[in-house]
C-alpha atoms as a PDB file:
ATOM      1  CA  MET A   1      -0.040   0.060   0.121  1.00  0.00           C
ATOM      2  CA  LYS A   2       1.419   3.319  -0.749  1.00  0.00           C
ATOM      3  CA  ASN A   3       1.522   6.302   1.401  1.00  0.00           C
ATOM      4  CA  ILE A   4      -1.589   8.970   0.914  1.00  0.00           C
ATOM      5  CA  ALA A   5      -1.391  12.611   0.723  1.00  0.00           C
ATOM      6  CA  ILE A   6      -5.094  13.967   1.260  1.00  0.00           C
ATOM      7  CA  VAL A   7      -5.419  17.605  -0.636  1.00  0.00           C
ATOM      8  CA  GLY A   8      -8.311  19.648   0.306  1.00  0.00           C
ATOM      9  CA  SER A   9      -9.231  23.052  -0.425  1.00  0.00           C
ATOM     10  CA  LYS A  10      -6.542  25.468   0.293  1.00  0.00           C
ATOM     11  CA  PRO A  11      -4.039  25.659  -2.726  1.00  0.00           C
ATOM     12  CA  ASP A  12      -1.886  28.088  -0.640  1.00  0.00           C
ATOM     13  CA  THR A  13      -0.898  24.976   1.495  1.00  0.00           C
ATOM     14  CA  TRP A  14      -0.242  22.540  -1.376  1.00  0.00           C
ATOM     15  CA  GLU A  15       3.528  23.107  -2.072  1.00  0.00           C
ATOM     16  CA  GLY A  16       4.813  19.855  -0.225  1.00  0.00           C
ATOM     17  CA  CYS A  17       2.374  17.684  -2.150  1.00  0.00           C
ATOM     18  CA  LYS A  18       3.552  18.656  -5.248  1.00  0.00           C
ATOM     19  CA  LYS A  19       7.443  17.359  -4.426  1.00  0.00           C
ATOM     20  CA  LEU A  20       5.995  14.111  -3.070  1.00  0.00           C
ATOM     21  CA  ASP A  21       7.675  10.949  -5.176  1.00  0.00           C
ATOM     22  CA  ARG A  22       4.522   9.225  -6.852  1.00  0.00           C
ATOM     23  CA  ARG A  23       5.922   5.934  -7.008  1.00  0.00           C
ATOM     24  CA  SER A  24       5.402   5.772  -3.078  1.00  0.00           C
ATOM     25  CA  TRP A  25       2.742   8.288  -2.808  1.00  0.00           C
ATOM     26  CA  GLN A  26      -0.889   8.510  -3.910  1.00  0.00           C
ATOM     27  CA  ILE A  27      -2.636  11.877  -4.177  1.00  0.00           C
ATOM     28  CA  TRP A  28      -6.140  11.830  -3.001  1.00  0.00           C
ATOM     29  CA  ARG A  29      -8.147  15.005  -3.733  1.00  0.00           C
ATOM     30  CA  TYR A  30     -11.760  16.473  -3.386  1.00  0.00           C
ATOM     31  CA  SER A  31     -13.169  20.277  -3.475  1.00  0.00           C
ATOM     32  CA  ARG A  32     -14.580  20.994  -6.648  1.00  0.00           C
ATOM     33  CA  ARG A  33     -13.749  24.674  -6.705  1.00  0.00           C
ATOM     34  CA  ASN A  34     -10.049  23.376  -7.453  1.00  0.00           C
ATOM     35  CA  PHE A  35     -10.636  20.290  -9.661  1.00  0.00           C
ATOM     36  CA  GLU A  36      -8.614  22.055 -12.716  1.00  0.00           C
ATOM     37  CA  LEU A  37      -5.885  22.603 -10.579  1.00  0.00           C
ATOM     38  CA  PRO A  38      -2.616  20.606 -10.506  1.00  0.00           C
ATOM     39  CA  PRO A  39      -1.341  18.065  -8.769  1.00  0.00           C
ATOM     40  CA  LYS A  40      -3.352  15.346 -10.675  1.00  0.00           C
ATOM     41  CA  ALA A  41      -5.236  13.125  -8.390  1.00  0.00           C
ATOM     42  CA  ASP A  42      -4.679   9.226  -8.163  1.00  0.00           C
ATOM     43  CA  LYS A  43      -8.276   9.400  -6.621  1.00  0.00           C
ATOM     44  CA  TRP A  44     -10.722  12.148  -6.684  1.00  0.00           C
ATOM     45  CA  PHE A  45     -13.595  12.007  -4.017  1.00  0.00           C
ATOM     46  CA  GLU A  46     -17.088  13.682  -4.610  1.00  0.00           C
ATOM     47  CA  LEU A  47     -19.145  12.508  -1.513  1.00  0.00           C
ATOM     48  CA  HIS A  48     -22.273  14.843  -2.033  1.00  0.00           C
ATOM     49  CA  LYS A  49     -25.109  13.267  -3.441  1.00  0.00           C
ATOM     50  CA  PRO A  50     -25.569  13.331  -7.472  1.00  0.00           C
ATOM     51  CA  GLU A  51     -28.735  15.714  -7.327  1.00  0.00           C
ATOM     52  CA  ASN A  52     -26.097  18.592  -6.350  1.00  0.00           C
ATOM     53  CA  TYR A  53     -24.172  17.990  -9.617  1.00  0.00           C
ATOM     54  CA  GLU A  54     -26.359  20.070 -11.772  1.00  0.00           C
ATOM     55  CA  ARG A  55     -25.394  22.944  -9.273  1.00  0.00           C
ATOM     56  CA  TYR A  56     -21.730  22.182  -9.243  1.00  0.00           C
ATOM     57  CA  GLU A  57     -21.729  22.311 -12.934  1.00  0.00           C
ATOM     58  CA  GLN A  58     -23.101  25.795 -13.381  1.00  0.00           C
ATOM     59  CA  ALA A  59     -20.691  26.805 -11.118  1.00  0.00           C
ATOM     60  CA  LYS A  60     -17.872  24.987 -12.482  1.00  0.00           C
ATOM     61  CA  PRO A  61     -18.259  24.111 -15.934  1.00  0.00           C
ATOM     62  CA  GLY A  62     -16.747  20.663 -16.777  1.00  0.00           C
ATOM     63  CA  TYR A  63     -16.761  19.221 -13.419  1.00  0.00           C
ATOM     64  CA  THR A  64     -19.627  16.759 -14.226  1.00  0.00           C
ATOM     65  CA  GLU A  65     -17.667  15.280 -17.167  1.00  0.00           C
ATOM     66  CA  PHE A  66     -14.790  15.007 -14.697  1.00  0.00           C
ATOM     67  CA  LEU A  67     -16.362  13.254 -12.310  1.00  0.00           C
ATOM     68  CA  LYS A  68     -16.676  10.157 -14.520  1.00  0.00           C
ATOM     69  CA  THR A  69     -13.504   8.907 -12.803  1.00  0.00           C
ATOM     70  CA  ALA A  70     -14.173   9.938  -9.356  1.00  0.00           C
ATOM     71  CA  VAL A  71     -15.074   8.022  -6.277  1.00  0.00           C
ATOM     72  CA  LYS A  72     -18.723   9.207  -5.905  1.00  0.00           C
ATOM     73  CA  HIS A  73     -21.107   9.048  -3.143  1.00  0.00           C
ATOM     74  CA  GLY A  74     -22.594   5.425  -4.491  1.00  0.00           C
ATOM     75  CA  ASP A  75     -18.950   4.133  -4.711  1.00  0.00           C
ATOM     76  CA  PHE A  76     -17.842   5.282  -1.132  1.00  0.00           C
ATOM     77  CA  PRO A  77     -17.838   2.813   1.725  1.00  0.00           C
ATOM     78  CA  PHE A  78     -19.810   4.664   4.195  1.00  0.00           C
ATOM     79  CA  ASP A  79     -21.551   1.588   5.959  1.00  0.00           C
ATOM     80  CA  LYS A  80     -17.957   0.030   6.491  1.00  0.00           C
ATOM     81  CA  LEU A  81     -16.591   3.108   7.894  1.00  0.00           C
ATOM     82  CA  LEU A  82     -19.140   3.676  10.404  1.00  0.00           C
ATOM     83  CA  GLU A  83     -18.989   0.106  11.326  1.00  0.00           C
ATOM     84  CA  GLU A  84     -15.189   0.310  11.999  1.00  0.00           C
ATOM     85  CA  PHE A  85     -15.103   3.974  13.648  1.00  0.00           C
ATOM     86  CA  GLY A  86     -18.808   4.904  14.737  1.00  0.00           C
ATOM     87  CA  PRO A  87     -20.967   7.679  13.657  1.00  0.00           C
ATOM     88  CA  TYR A  88     -19.670  10.522  16.060  1.00  0.00           C
ATOM     89  CA  PHE A  89     -17.068  12.082  13.789  1.00  0.00           C
ATOM     90  CA  PHE A  90     -18.521  12.560  10.653  1.00  0.00           C
ATOM     91  CA  SER A  91     -20.531  15.440  10.722  1.00  0.00           C
ATOM     92  CA  TYR A  92     -18.388  18.447   9.140  1.00  0.00           C
ATOM     93  CA  GLY A  93     -17.483  17.583   5.420  1.00  0.00           C
ATOM     94  CA  GLN A  94     -15.796  15.257   3.243  1.00  0.00           C
ATOM     95  CA  ALA A  95     -12.388  15.442   4.925  1.00  0.00           C
ATOM     96  CA  PRO A  96     -13.411  12.949   7.935  1.00  0.00           C
ATOM     97  CA  TRP A  97     -14.558  10.369   5.666  1.00  0.00           C
ATOM     98  CA  ILE A  98     -11.387  10.471   3.505  1.00  0.00           C
ATOM     99  CA  ILE A  99      -9.158  10.235   6.321  1.00  0.00           C
ATOM    100  CA  ALA A 100     -10.827   7.606   7.811  1.00  0.00           C
ATOM    101  CA  TYR A 101     -11.107   5.756   4.804  1.00  0.00           C
ATOM    102  CA  ALA A 102      -7.161   6.096   4.213  1.00  0.00           C
ATOM    103  CA  ILE A 103      -6.678   4.771   7.947  1.00  0.00           C
ATOM    104  CA  SER A 104      -8.708   1.768   6.842  1.00  0.00           C
ATOM    105  CA  LEU A 105      -6.461   1.008   4.303  1.00  0.00           C
ATOM    106  CA  LYS A 106      -3.499   0.823   6.834  1.00  0.00           C
ATOM    107  CA  PRO A 107      -0.809   2.820   4.578  1.00  0.00           C
ATOM    108  CA  LYS A 108       2.578   3.457   6.450  1.00  0.00           C
ATOM    109  CA  GLU A 109       1.996   7.370   6.308  1.00  0.00           C
ATOM    110  CA  ILE A 110      -0.707   9.735   5.660  1.00  0.00           C
ATOM    111  CA  ARG A 111      -0.151  13.581   5.068  1.00  0.00           C
ATOM    112  CA  LEU A 112      -2.675  16.219   5.039  1.00  0.00           C
ATOM    113  CA  PHE A 113      -2.611  19.332   2.759  1.00  0.00           C
ATOM    114  CA  GLY A 114      -4.890  21.987   2.523  1.00  0.00           C
ATOM    115  CA  ILE A 115      -7.250  20.820   5.362  1.00  0.00           C
ATOM    116  CA  GLU A 116      -6.871  23.715   7.876  1.00  0.00           C
ATOM    117  CA  PRO A 117     -10.648  24.269   8.650  1.00  0.00           C
ATOM    118  CA  GLY A 118     -11.429  28.141   9.033  1.00  0.00           C
ATOM    119  CA  LYS A 119     -14.563  29.689  10.377  1.00  0.00           C
ATOM    120  CA  GLU A 120     -16.905  28.038   7.730  1.00  0.00           C
ATOM    121  CA  TYR A 121     -15.666  24.625   8.788  1.00  0.00           C
ATOM    122  CA  GLY A 122     -14.592  25.150  12.164  1.00  0.00           C
ATOM    123  CA  PRO A 123     -16.128  22.454  13.691  1.00  0.00           C
ATOM    124  CA  GLN A 124     -14.618  19.983  11.242  1.00  0.00           C
ATOM    125  CA  LYS A 125     -11.239  20.661  12.783  1.00  0.00           C
ATOM    126  CA  THR A 126     -11.970  18.414  15.969  1.00  0.00           C
ATOM    127  CA  GLU A 127     -13.106  15.445  13.500  1.00  0.00           C
ATOM    128  CA  VAL A 128     -10.180  15.832  11.572  1.00  0.00           C
ATOM    129  CA  GLN A 129      -7.878  15.798  14.691  1.00  0.00           C
ATOM    130  CA  HIS A 130      -9.891  12.939  16.030  1.00  0.00           C
ATOM    131  CA  PHE A 131      -8.986  10.499  13.007  1.00  0.00           C
ATOM    132  CA  MET A 132      -5.338  12.114  13.232  1.00  0.00           C
ATOM    133  CA  TRP A 133      -5.290  10.651  16.817  1.00  0.00           C
ATOM    134  CA  ILE A 134      -6.797   7.087  15.703  1.00  0.00           C
ATOM    135  CA  ALA A 135      -4.015   7.095  12.843  1.00  0.00           C
ATOM    136  CA  GLU A 136      -1.128   7.552  15.334  1.00  0.00           C
ATOM    137  CA  ASP A 137      -2.892   5.006  17.767  1.00  0.00           C
ATOM    138  CA  ARG A 138      -2.876   2.489  14.833  1.00  0.00           C
ATOM    139  CA  GLY A 139       0.845   3.310  14.341  1.00  0.00           C
ATOM    140  CA  ILE A 140       0.067   4.973  11.076  1.00  0.00           C
ATOM    141  CA  LYS A 141       2.303   8.421  10.707  1.00  0.00           C
ATOM    142  CA  ILE A 142      -0.012  11.302  10.022  1.00  0.00           C
ATOM    143  CA  THR A 143       0.919  14.740   9.557  1.00  0.00           C
ATOM    144  CA  ALA A 144      -0.072  18.286   8.135  1.00  0.00           C
ATOM    145  CA  PRO A 145       3.143  19.865   7.148  1.00  0.00           C
ATOM    146  CA  GLU A 146       1.758  23.134   6.049  1.00  0.00           C
ATOM    147  CA  ASP A 147      -1.323  23.294   8.442  1.00  0.00           C
ATOM    148  CA  PRO A 148       0.244  23.791  11.770  1.00  0.00           C
ATOM    149  CA  ALA A 149      -3.091  24.664  13.381  1.00  0.00           C
ATOM    150  CA  LEU A 150      -4.162  20.845  12.963  1.00  0.00           C
ATOM    151  CA  SER A 151      -1.299  20.183  15.575  1.00  0.00           C
ATOM    152  CA  ARG A 152      -2.626  22.370  18.091  1.00  0.00           C
ATOM    153  CA  TYR A 153      -5.132  21.375  20.465  1.00  0.00           C
ATOM    154  CA  ARG A 154      -7.409  23.740  22.971  1.00  0.00           C
ATOM    155  CA  PRO A 155      -6.580  24.197  26.512  1.00  0.00           C
ATOM    156  CA  LEU A 156      -7.399  20.885  28.420  1.00  0.00           C
ATOM    157  CA  TYR A 157     -10.393  20.992  30.927  1.00  0.00           C
ATOM    158  CA  ALA A 158      -9.326  20.490  34.412  1.00  0.00           C
ATOM    159  CA  VAL A 159      -5.762  19.903  33.580  1.00  0.00           C
ATOM    160  CA  ASP A 160      -2.974  22.354  33.995  1.00  0.00           C
ATOM    161  CA  ARG A 161      -1.258  23.705  30.760  1.00  0.00           C
ATOM    162  CA  ASP A 162       1.871  22.280  32.243  1.00  0.00           C
ATOM    163  CA  HIS A 163       0.923  18.804  32.004  1.00  0.00           C
ATOM    164  CA  GLY A 164       0.690  18.618  28.254  1.00  0.00           C
ATOM    165  CA  GLY A 165       4.077  17.202  27.904  1.00  0.00           C
ATOM    166  CA  ALA A 166       3.194  14.006  26.660  1.00  0.00           C
ATOM    167  CA  LEU A 167       1.187  15.422  24.010  1.00  0.00           C
ATOM    168  CA  GLU A 168       3.930  17.898  23.124  1.00  0.00           C
ATOM    169  CA  GLU A 169       6.229  14.874  22.660  1.00  0.00           C
ATOM    170  CA  ARG A 170       3.982  13.539  20.037  1.00  0.00           C
ATOM    171  CA  GLY A 171       4.422  16.766  18.045  1.00  0.00           C
ATOM    172  CA  LEU A 172       1.349  18.417  19.445  1.00  0.00           C
ATOM    173  CA  THR A 173       1.211  21.952  20.688  1.00  0.00           C
ATOM    174  CA  PRO A 174      -1.224  23.877  23.068  1.00  0.00           C
ATOM    175  CA  ALA A 175      -3.287  26.565  21.466  1.00  0.00           C
ATOM    176  CA  ILE A 176      -2.364  29.089  23.839  1.00  0.00           C
ATOM    177  CA  ASN A 177      -4.599  32.134  24.233  1.00  0.00           C
ATOM    178  CA  PHE A 178      -7.270  30.517  22.230  1.00  0.00           C
ATOM    179  CA  THR A 179     -10.089  33.010  23.411  1.00  0.00           C
ATOM    180  CA  GLY A 180      -7.937  36.016  22.001  1.00  0.00           C
ATOM    181  CA  THR A 181      -7.342  37.239  25.519  1.00  0.00           C
ATOM    182  CA  PRO A 182      -4.072  38.765  26.467  1.00  0.00           C
ATOM    183  CA  PRO A 183      -1.836  36.518  27.990  1.00  0.00           C
ATOM    184  CA  ARG A 184      -2.015  36.480  31.958  1.00  0.00           C
ATOM    185  CA  THR A 185       1.635  35.289  32.664  1.00  0.00           C
ATOM    186  CA  GLN A 186       5.250  35.982  31.200  1.00  0.00           C
ATOM    187  CA  LYS A 187       5.208  32.081  30.349  1.00  0.00           C
ATOM    188  CA  GLU A 188       2.048  32.232  28.571  1.00  0.00           C
ATOM    189  CA  ALA A 189       3.204  35.215  26.459  1.00  0.00           C
ATOM    190  CA  ALA A 190       6.452  33.216  25.439  1.00  0.00           C
ATOM    191  CA  GLN A 191       4.209  30.246  24.434  1.00  0.00           C
ATOM    192  CA  LEU A 192       1.986  32.298  22.472  1.00  0.00           C
ATOM    193  CA  GLU A 193       4.896  34.124  20.606  1.00  0.00           C
ATOM    194  CA  LYS A 194       6.225  30.588  20.004  1.00  0.00           C
ATOM    195  CA  TYR A 195       3.178  28.942  18.773  1.00  0.00           C
ATOM    196  CA  GLY A 196       1.006  31.816  17.558  1.00  0.00           C
ATOM    197  CA  ARG A 197      -2.795  32.384  18.069  1.00  0.00           C
ATOM    198  CA  LEU A 198      -5.065  29.734  16.983  1.00  0.00           C
ATOM    199  CA  ILE A 199      -7.830  31.563  14.949  1.00  0.00           C
ATOM    200  CA  SER A 200     -10.395  28.634  14.084  1.00  0.00           C
END
């Protein structure tokens, strides 16, 4: 099984995926707004129902023809993934489904590009991070090289920030100053300068 790069909707964070060795990496893509842009996908996913295609075609002429070779709603293993992963983290967008599908195929590594949920898809961030953790737990290396916010977590309820060391050892960093309030201590100010402000 080749490694899998999953490429989302933000082209400004795609640079790394263009440099992957296609002999050892598959590129999976989705997001109709960018279907004409490189890199060429080994698999294209369109998980929305077919009744939406006419509207998509009006917005992006040529997309319906492009979908003839895509993995579409009727081809996707929704039931298998629900049986394996449960129904609790598939409510916001295509990315969680596609990441879960990649995990089910057991590649050695998964990389995520262009999947940094902003305001519109803010709740998707938690779902993507959930499946990133599942991948890690199953021994699959998973990273978002150009999307550092996906490696940041909100302050932990009932746990002092100083106790996040085990998470930081796994490449995760706390989202300091999540609410946008001024830093309360010098240590928090230093962490904010180091990690940046998490907006989404």
